[in-house]
């Protein structure tokens, strides 16, 4: 992930010179290139982790990156049909009902 995406985008920029706007533009560029939301979340977590390490060593100030987030998008749709949910409820598998209800 680092070598394939971060390094080509931020490679020549010093850590201290990276701005929140650059990170947001990176995420937007990745999104437009087809990266899934889960991928973007993992990349943002990795970036913030790297910056926290750099902050702990006093190479950068992490505070400027704390508010970078990805917009939330609608989650996945439930795959269980109403008939399946009714069958589980009627058969009395309460534990299974909770799992299906919570996860879809």
N, C-alpha and C. Protein backbone atom coordinates (compact mmCIF):
# COMPACT_ATOMS: atom_id res chain seq x y z
N UNK A 1 0.84 -1.18 0.00
CA UNK A 1 0.00 0.00 0.00
C UNK A 1 0.88 1.25 0.00
N UNK A 2 1.89 1.24 0.87
CA UNK A 2 2.74 2.41 0.96
C UNK A 2 3.49 2.64 -0.35
N UNK A 3 4.15 1.59 -0.84
CA UNK A 3 4.95 1.73 -2.06
C UNK A 3 4.09 1.98 -3.29
N UNK A 4 2.91 1.40 -3.33
CA UNK A 4 2.06 1.53 -4.52
C UNK A 4 1.27 2.83 -4.58
N UNK A 5 0.93 3.40 -3.42
CA UNK A 5 0.03 4.55 -3.43
C UNK A 5 0.60 5.78 -2.72
N UNK A 6 1.04 5.63 -1.47
CA UNK A 6 1.54 6.80 -0.74
C UNK A 6 2.82 7.35 -1.34
N UNK A 7 3.77 6.45 -1.58
CA UNK A 7 5.07 6.91 -2.06
C UNK A 7 5.00 7.62 -3.41
N UNK A 8 4.27 7.09 -4.40
CA UNK A 8 4.18 7.84 -5.66
C UNK A 8 3.51 9.21 -5.50
N UNK A 9 2.56 9.31 -4.59
CA UNK A 9 1.82 10.57 -4.43
C UNK A 9 2.58 11.57 -3.55
N UNK A 10 3.12 11.09 -2.42
CA UNK A 10 3.78 11.97 -1.46
C UNK A 10 5.30 11.83 -1.45
N UNK A 11 5.85 10.95 -2.28
CA UNK A 11 7.26 10.57 -2.21
C UNK A 11 8.26 11.70 -2.10
N UNK A 12 8.11 12.76 -2.86
CA UNK A 12 9.11 13.83 -2.86
C UNK A 12 8.81 14.93 -1.85
N UNK A 13 7.74 14.80 -1.10
CA UNK A 13 7.33 15.84 -0.15
C UNK A 13 7.79 15.45 1.26
N UNK A 14 8.41 16.40 1.95
CA UNK A 14 8.82 16.14 3.34
C UNK A 14 7.59 15.96 4.21
N UNK A 15 7.70 15.09 5.22
CA UNK A 15 6.56 14.83 6.11
C UNK A 15 5.98 16.11 6.68
N UNK A 16 6.84 17.01 7.10
CA UNK A 16 6.39 18.24 7.73
C UNK A 16 5.67 19.17 6.75
N UNK A 17 5.87 18.95 5.45
CA UNK A 17 5.25 19.81 4.45
C UNK A 17 3.90 19.27 3.96
N UNK A 18 3.54 18.06 4.36
CA UNK A 18 2.25 17.50 3.96
C UNK A 18 1.14 18.20 4.74
N UNK A 19 0.12 18.65 4.03
CA UNK A 19 -0.99 19.37 4.66
C UNK A 19 -2.25 18.49 4.65
N UNK A 20 -3.21 18.80 5.50
CA UNK A 20 -4.48 18.07 5.46
C UNK A 20 -5.15 18.15 4.08
N UNK A 21 -5.00 19.28 3.41
CA UNK A 21 -5.60 19.43 2.08
C UNK A 21 -4.96 18.45 1.09
N UNK A 22 -3.66 18.22 1.22
CA UNK A 22 -2.98 17.25 0.35
C UNK A 22 -3.52 15.84 0.58
N UNK A 23 -3.74 15.52 1.85
CA UNK A 23 -4.26 14.19 2.19
C UNK A 23 -5.68 14.03 1.64
N UNK A 24 -6.50 15.06 1.80
CA UNK A 24 -7.86 15.01 1.26
C UNK A 24 -7.85 14.88 -0.26
N UNK A 25 -6.93 15.57 -0.93
CA UNK A 25 -6.82 15.47 -2.38
C UNK A 25 -6.35 14.07 -2.78
N UNK A 26 -5.44 13.50 -2.01
CA UNK A 26 -4.99 12.13 -2.26
C UNK A 26 -6.17 11.16 -2.19
N UNK A 27 -6.98 11.29 -1.13
CA UNK A 27 -8.13 10.41 -0.96
C UNK A 27 -9.14 10.58 -2.10
N UNK A 28 -9.35 11.81 -2.51
CA UNK A 28 -10.27 12.08 -3.62
C UNK A 28 -9.74 11.47 -4.92
N UNK A 29 -8.44 11.60 -5.15
CA UNK A 29 -7.82 11.02 -6.34
C UNK A 29 -7.96 9.50 -6.34
N UNK A 30 -7.73 8.89 -5.18
CA UNK A 30 -7.86 7.43 -5.07
C UNK A 30 -9.30 7.00 -5.30
N UNK A 31 -10.24 7.77 -4.75
CA UNK A 31 -11.67 7.46 -4.92
C UNK A 31 -12.04 7.52 -6.40
N UNK A 32 -11.58 8.54 -7.08
CA UNK A 32 -11.89 8.70 -8.51
C UNK A 32 -11.25 7.61 -9.35
N UNK A 33 -10.14 7.03 -8.85
CA UNK A 33 -9.48 5.96 -9.60
C UNK A 33 -10.13 4.60 -9.34
N UNK A 34 -11.17 4.60 -8.49
CA UNK A 34 -11.93 3.37 -8.28
C UNK A 34 -11.67 2.65 -6.97
N UNK A 35 -10.91 3.24 -6.07
CA UNK A 35 -10.65 2.60 -4.78
C UNK A 35 -11.94 2.52 -3.97
N UNK A 36 -12.16 1.38 -3.34
CA UNK A 36 -13.36 1.18 -2.52
C UNK A 36 -13.24 1.97 -1.21
N UNK A 37 -14.39 2.25 -0.61
CA UNK A 37 -14.38 3.00 0.65
C UNK A 37 -13.58 2.29 1.73
N UNK A 38 -13.70 0.97 1.81
CA UNK A 38 -12.92 0.22 2.80
C UNK A 38 -11.43 0.39 2.60
N UNK A 39 -11.01 0.42 1.35
CA UNK A 39 -9.60 0.64 1.03
C UNK A 39 -9.17 2.02 1.48
N UNK A 40 -10.00 3.02 1.19
CA UNK A 40 -9.67 4.39 1.59
C UNK A 40 -9.59 4.52 3.10
N UNK A 41 -10.50 3.85 3.83
CA UNK A 41 -10.46 3.88 5.29
C UNK A 41 -9.16 3.27 5.80
N UNK A 42 -8.75 2.13 5.21
CA UNK A 42 -7.50 1.49 5.64
C UNK A 42 -6.30 2.38 5.35
N UNK A 43 -6.30 3.01 4.18
CA UNK A 43 -5.20 3.89 3.83
C UNK A 43 -5.14 5.10 4.76
N UNK A 44 -6.29 5.66 5.09
CA UNK A 44 -6.31 6.80 5.99
C UNK A 44 -5.84 6.40 7.38
N UNK A 45 -6.26 5.21 7.85
CA UNK A 45 -5.79 4.74 9.16
C UNK A 45 -4.28 4.54 9.15
N UNK A 46 -3.75 3.96 8.08
CA UNK A 46 -2.30 3.76 7.98
C UNK A 46 -1.59 5.10 7.97
N UNK A 47 -2.10 6.05 7.19
CA UNK A 47 -1.49 7.37 7.13
C UNK A 47 -1.45 8.02 8.51
N UNK A 48 -2.59 7.97 9.21
CA UNK A 48 -2.64 8.58 10.54
C UNK A 48 -1.71 7.87 11.51
N UNK A 49 -1.60 6.55 11.38
CA UNK A 49 -0.68 5.79 12.23
C UNK A 49 0.76 6.24 11.98
N UNK A 50 1.13 6.37 10.71
CA UNK A 50 2.47 6.83 10.38
C UNK A 50 2.72 8.23 10.93
N UNK A 51 1.73 9.09 10.83
CA UNK A 51 1.90 10.45 11.33
C UNK A 51 1.97 10.49 12.85
N UNK A 52 1.24 9.59 13.54
CA UNK A 52 1.35 9.53 15.00
C UNK A 52 2.75 9.11 15.42
N UNK A 53 3.33 8.15 14.69
CA UNK A 53 4.70 7.73 14.99
C UNK A 53 5.66 8.89 14.76
N UNK A 54 5.49 9.58 13.65
CA UNK A 54 6.34 10.74 13.37
C UNK A 54 6.15 11.83 14.42
N UNK A 55 4.92 12.02 14.88
CA UNK A 55 4.63 13.00 15.93
C UNK A 55 5.30 12.61 17.24
N UNK A 56 5.28 11.32 17.57
CA UNK A 56 5.90 10.87 18.83
C UNK A 56 7.41 11.08 18.81
N UNK A 57 7.98 11.12 17.62
CA UNK A 57 9.42 11.37 17.48
C UNK A 57 9.72 12.84 17.20
N UNK A 58 8.67 13.66 17.26
CA UNK A 58 8.75 15.10 17.05
C UNK A 58 9.26 15.47 15.66
N UNK A 59 8.89 14.66 14.67
CA UNK A 59 9.22 14.97 13.28
C UNK A 59 8.13 15.84 12.66
N UNK A 60 6.90 15.65 13.10
CA UNK A 60 5.77 16.44 12.59
C UNK A 60 4.81 16.70 13.75
N UNK A 61 3.86 17.61 13.50
CA UNK A 61 2.79 17.84 14.46
C UNK A 61 1.55 17.15 13.94
N UNK A 62 1.09 16.13 14.65
CA UNK A 62 -0.04 15.31 14.23
C UNK A 62 -1.37 16.05 14.29
N UNK A 63 -1.47 17.04 15.14
CA UNK A 63 -2.74 17.72 15.38
C UNK A 63 -3.43 18.20 14.12
N UNK A 64 -2.67 18.61 13.13
CA UNK A 64 -3.30 19.14 11.92
C UNK A 64 -4.01 18.07 11.10
N UNK A 65 -3.75 16.78 11.39
CA UNK A 65 -4.37 15.69 10.63
C UNK A 65 -5.52 15.02 11.36
N UNK A 66 -5.77 15.41 12.59
CA UNK A 66 -6.77 14.71 13.40
C UNK A 66 -8.18 14.78 12.83
N UNK A 67 -8.51 15.82 12.11
CA UNK A 67 -9.89 16.01 11.66
C UNK A 67 -10.15 15.52 10.24
N UNK A 68 -9.17 14.87 9.63
CA UNK A 68 -9.39 14.33 8.28
C UNK A 68 -10.23 13.07 8.41
N UNK A 69 -11.35 13.06 7.74
CA UNK A 69 -12.23 11.89 7.75
C UNK A 69 -12.76 11.65 6.35
N UNK A 70 -13.28 10.48 6.15
CA UNK A 70 -13.95 10.16 4.90
C UNK A 70 -15.44 10.31 5.10
N UNK A 71 -16.14 10.78 4.08
CA UNK A 71 -17.60 10.86 4.22
C UNK A 71 -18.19 9.47 4.35
N UNK A 72 -19.17 9.34 5.19
CA UNK A 72 -19.85 8.05 5.36
C UNK A 72 -20.80 7.85 4.19
N UNK A 73 -20.82 6.64 3.70
CA UNK A 73 -21.74 6.30 2.63
C UNK A 73 -22.67 5.22 3.12
N UNK A 74 -23.75 5.06 2.41
CA UNK A 74 -24.74 4.06 2.78
C UNK A 74 -24.09 2.69 2.85
N UNK A 75 -24.38 1.97 3.92
CA UNK A 75 -23.83 0.63 4.10
C UNK A 75 -24.46 -0.36 3.16
N UNK A 76 -23.99 -1.58 3.26
CA UNK A 76 -24.52 -2.61 2.37
C UNK A 76 -25.95 -2.97 2.74
N UNK A 77 -26.68 -3.44 1.77
CA UNK A 77 -28.07 -3.82 1.96
C UNK A 77 -28.15 -5.20 2.61
N UNK A 78 -29.22 -5.46 3.30
CA UNK A 78 -29.44 -6.76 3.91
C UNK A 78 -29.65 -7.81 2.83
N UNK A 79 -29.07 -8.99 3.04
CA UNK A 79 -29.23 -10.06 2.05
C UNK A 79 -30.27 -11.08 2.49
N UNK A 80 -30.73 -11.01 3.73
CA UNK A 80 -31.75 -11.95 4.21
C UNK A 80 -33.12 -11.49 3.74
N UNK A 81 -33.90 -12.42 3.22
CA UNK A 81 -35.26 -12.09 2.77
C UNK A 81 -36.20 -12.11 3.97
N UNK A 82 -37.35 -11.51 3.81
CA UNK A 82 -38.34 -11.52 4.88
C UNK A 82 -38.77 -12.95 5.20
N UNK A 83 -38.88 -13.80 4.18
CA UNK A 83 -39.27 -15.20 4.40
C UNK A 83 -38.23 -15.91 5.26
N UNK A 84 -36.95 -15.66 5.00
CA UNK A 84 -35.89 -16.29 5.79
C UNK A 84 -35.93 -15.79 7.23
N UNK A 85 -36.15 -14.50 7.40
CA UNK A 85 -36.23 -13.95 8.75
C UNK A 85 -37.42 -14.53 9.51
N UNK A 86 -38.57 -14.65 8.83
CA UNK A 86 -39.75 -15.24 9.46
C UNK A 86 -39.50 -16.69 9.85
N UNK A 87 -38.86 -17.45 8.98
CA UNK A 87 -38.58 -18.86 9.28
C UNK A 87 -37.68 -18.99 10.50
N UNK A 88 -36.68 -18.16 10.59
CA UNK A 88 -35.78 -18.21 11.75
C UNK A 88 -36.54 -17.85 13.02
N UNK A 89 -37.37 -16.82 12.94
CA UNK A 89 -38.13 -16.40 14.12
C UNK A 89 -39.12 -17.49 14.53
N UNK A 90 -39.82 -18.10 13.58
CA UNK A 90 -40.81 -19.14 13.87
C UNK A 90 -40.16 -20.39 14.45
N UNK A 91 -39.00 -20.75 13.94
CA UNK A 91 -38.32 -21.95 14.42
C UNK A 91 -37.73 -21.77 15.82
N UNK A 92 -37.71 -20.55 16.30
CA UNK A 92 -37.31 -20.31 17.67
C UNK A 92 -35.81 -20.27 17.92
N UNK A 93 -35.03 -20.05 16.90
CA UNK A 93 -33.58 -19.94 17.09
C UNK A 93 -33.26 -18.49 17.45
N UNK A 94 -33.45 -18.15 18.72
CA UNK A 94 -33.30 -16.75 19.13
C UNK A 94 -31.88 -16.23 18.90
N UNK A 95 -30.88 -17.06 19.19
CA UNK A 95 -29.51 -16.61 18.99
C UNK A 95 -29.25 -16.33 17.51
N UNK A 96 -29.73 -17.23 16.65
CA UNK A 96 -29.55 -17.04 15.22
C UNK A 96 -30.32 -15.82 14.74
N UNK A 97 -31.51 -15.61 15.30
CA UNK A 97 -32.31 -14.44 14.93
C UNK A 97 -31.54 -13.16 15.22
N UNK A 98 -30.91 -13.08 16.38
CA UNK A 98 -30.14 -11.88 16.73
C UNK A 98 -29.00 -11.65 15.75
N UNK A 99 -28.31 -12.72 15.39
CA UNK A 99 -27.19 -12.59 14.46
C UNK A 99 -27.68 -12.11 13.10
N UNK A 100 -28.72 -12.74 12.58
CA UNK A 100 -29.24 -12.37 11.26
C UNK A 100 -29.79 -10.95 11.29
N UNK A 101 -30.50 -10.60 12.35
CA UNK A 101 -31.08 -9.26 12.45
C UNK A 101 -29.99 -8.20 12.49
N UNK A 102 -28.92 -8.46 13.25
CA UNK A 102 -27.85 -7.48 13.40
C UNK A 102 -26.95 -7.37 12.17
N UNK A 103 -26.73 -8.48 11.47
CA UNK A 103 -25.77 -8.47 10.37
C UNK A 103 -26.41 -8.49 8.99
N UNK A 104 -27.67 -8.89 8.92
CA UNK A 104 -28.32 -8.96 7.61
C UNK A 104 -27.94 -10.23 6.93
